[in-house]
Structures are given as C-alpha cells and as structure tokens.
C-alpha cells in the first residue's frame, strides 16, 4: 500500500523538526534517511564526547498525534529495534570512519500539532544487545 503524499510530507516535516531540535541540543548531523537492505535510519547524528570520544547516535523519529496508544516511542517494538540495529551495522560497514565511535540508539517521540510538534528525546532508548 502506497503512502499518501500528505502523510509522506508530514513525516518529512516531523523529521526536519526533530533534526533541528537535536542540532540545537548540540548534535551534528551525519546522515538522514539512510536506506539499507534491513531498514532505514531516520537520522544519524554525532554527539561530541568527553575523554571517551564522540558518540554516533542513531535516531528513530516517531510521531503520534496523541498518546492514546502509548505515543511514538511505544511503537518502536523489538522487531523495529532489530531492523534499526541491522541498518546501523550496515551504516558502520559503509562508513568506516565512524567504526571506533561509541554508538547509541535514541528515539525522538514527536506528538501533538504536526506543524509545531512537541519533542521528547529519549536517549539510549534501547541497546543493540537487547534487539
């Protein structure tokens, strides 16, 4: 089933808002909408590190108008987590410059008005070992 054009446009706008939110929080953009065999990475960001170095952050952006079904973060189930981890592994194979970075999986849960969504950033939302 094809995605309705307005749904796709709304998704792109929500991801752009999440990107802006994370950039303002100090992260640097590495990639967006990186597609691999196992899935897509919405955002790949770099968080400047301390003595341990930088952290590569794989960000899943989820939008729900309301929280009646647990919000967007609740929709990142074990199956979705596995797909994100597999896509992240593919990303690291293709971008060896980041192979030594620590990695983290975050979720940005966007909700409310799609033109001005409320953002909730869940750092370390899941671990690769758990997926």
Protein backbone atom coordinates (compact mmCIF):
# COMPACT_ATOMS: atom_id res chain seq x y z
CA UNK A 1 0.00 0.00 0.00
CA UNK A 2 1.46 3.37 -1.03
CA UNK A 3 1.89 6.15 1.48
CA UNK A 4 -0.41 9.10 0.92
CA UNK A 5 1.59 12.16 -0.26
CA UNK A 6 0.42 14.31 2.64
CA UNK A 7 1.48 11.59 5.09
CA UNK A 8 4.93 11.47 3.49
CA UNK A 9 5.22 15.28 3.58
CA UNK A 10 4.13 15.33 7.22
CA UNK A 11 6.73 12.68 8.06
CA UNK A 12 9.46 14.68 6.33
CA UNK A 13 8.42 17.82 8.23
CA UNK A 14 8.44 15.97 11.57
CA UNK A 15 11.90 14.56 10.85
CA UNK A 16 13.14 18.04 9.89
CA UNK A 17 11.77 19.41 13.18
CA UNK A 18 13.50 16.59 15.10
CA UNK A 19 16.77 17.31 13.25
CA UNK A 20 16.54 20.99 14.19
CA UNK A 21 15.76 20.07 17.80
CA UNK A 22 18.83 17.80 18.00
CA UNK A 23 21.11 20.31 16.25
CA UNK A 24 20.07 22.94 18.81
CA UNK A 25 20.91 20.43 21.54
CA UNK A 26 24.47 20.28 20.22
CA UNK A 27 24.50 17.20 17.99
CA UNK A 28 25.94 17.29 14.46
CA UNK A 29 24.19 15.73 11.51
CA UNK A 30 25.96 12.85 9.79
CA UNK A 31 23.16 11.40 7.64
CA UNK A 32 19.40 11.40 7.16
CA UNK A 33 17.08 8.81 5.67
CA UNK A 34 19.90 6.33 5.09
CA UNK A 35 18.33 3.27 3.46
CA UNK A 36 19.77 -0.21 3.76
CA UNK A 37 18.55 -3.69 3.00
CA UNK A 38 17.18 -4.21 6.51
CA UNK A 39 15.69 -0.78 7.07
CA UNK A 40 16.07 2.96 7.18
CA UNK A 41 17.89 5.18 9.63
CA UNK A 42 15.90 8.38 10.12
CA UNK A 43 18.82 10.40 11.48
CA UNK A 44 22.44 9.65 12.24
CA UNK A 45 23.99 12.29 14.48
CA UNK A 46 27.31 12.80 16.22
CA UNK A 47 27.46 13.86 19.85
CA UNK A 48 30.75 15.39 20.89
CA UNK A 49 32.31 13.30 23.59
CA UNK A 50 34.35 13.81 26.64
CA UNK A 51 37.55 11.85 27.23
CA UNK A 52 35.94 8.74 25.74
CA UNK A 53 35.45 10.35 22.31
CA UNK A 54 32.42 11.08 20.19
CA UNK A 55 29.21 9.05 20.17
CA UNK A 56 27.42 8.13 16.96
CA UNK A 57 23.70 8.40 17.63
CA UNK A 58 21.15 6.52 15.54
CA UNK A 59 17.84 8.33 15.96
CA UNK A 60 14.40 6.90 15.21
CA UNK A 61 11.79 9.65 14.86
CA UNK A 62 8.22 8.64 15.68
CA UNK A 63 5.14 10.82 15.51
CA UNK A 64 1.73 10.30 17.06
CA UNK A 65 -0.92 12.97 17.22
CA UNK A 66 -1.87 11.79 20.70
CA UNK A 67 -0.62 9.40 23.37
CA UNK A 68 -3.70 7.15 23.45
CA UNK A 69 -1.71 4.15 22.28
CA UNK A 70 1.46 4.88 24.24
CA UNK A 71 2.94 7.54 21.97
CA UNK A 72 5.51 7.16 19.24
CA UNK A 73 8.23 5.64 21.40
CA UNK A 74 5.98 2.71 22.29
CA UNK A 75 5.77 1.84 18.59
CA UNK A 76 9.50 1.07 18.45
CA UNK A 77 9.00 -2.59 19.29
CA UNK A 78 11.59 -5.39 19.33
CA UNK A 79 11.16 -6.06 15.60
CA UNK A 80 11.69 -2.39 14.72
CA UNK A 81 14.69 -2.24 17.06
CA UNK A 82 16.29 -5.23 15.27
CA UNK A 83 15.80 -3.53 11.90
CA UNK A 84 17.37 -0.30 13.18
CA UNK A 85 20.34 -2.18 14.65
CA UNK A 86 20.85 -4.08 11.38
CA UNK A 87 20.69 -0.83 9.40
CA UNK A 88 23.16 0.75 11.84
CA UNK A 89 25.55 -2.17 11.30
CA UNK A 90 25.28 -1.63 7.54
CA UNK A 91 25.92 2.09 8.03
CA UNK A 92 29.09 1.35 10.01
CA UNK A 93 30.34 -1.04 7.32
CA UNK A 94 29.81 1.65 4.67
CA UNK A 95 31.25 4.50 6.81
CA UNK A 96 34.38 3.07 8.40
CA UNK A 97 35.45 6.49 9.73
CA UNK A 98 32.85 6.03 12.50
CA UNK A 99 33.76 2.42 13.34
CA UNK A 100 35.63 3.40 16.51
CA UNK A 101 32.88 5.65 17.87
CA UNK A 102 30.66 4.56 20.68
CA UNK A 103 27.11 4.06 19.39
CA UNK A 104 23.74 4.82 20.93
CA UNK A 105 20.13 4.31 19.85
CA UNK A 106 17.78 7.18 20.64
CA UNK A 107 14.13 7.86 19.88
CA UNK A 108 12.59 11.27 19.34
CA UNK A 109 8.92 10.98 20.21
CA UNK A 110 7.04 13.79 18.47
CA UNK A 111 3.41 14.44 19.29
CA UNK A 112 0.64 16.98 19.02
CA UNK A 113 0.28 19.52 16.23
CA UNK A 114 2.30 18.25 13.22
CA UNK A 115 3.15 21.86 12.27
CA UNK A 116 4.68 22.51 15.70
CA UNK A 117 5.24 19.11 17.32
CA UNK A 118 6.25 18.64 20.92
CA UNK A 119 9.54 16.72 21.07
CA UNK A 120 10.57 14.23 23.71
CA UNK A 121 14.13 12.95 23.27
CA UNK A 122 14.72 9.51 24.73
CA UNK A 123 18.46 8.99 24.94
CA UNK A 124 19.67 5.38 24.96
CA UNK A 125 16.11 4.22 24.27
CA UNK A 126 17.30 0.69 23.55
CA UNK A 127 20.53 -1.27 23.26
CA UNK A 128 21.85 -3.30 20.35
CA UNK A 129 22.24 -6.26 22.70
CA UNK A 130 18.52 -6.13 23.51
CA UNK A 131 17.35 -6.05 19.89
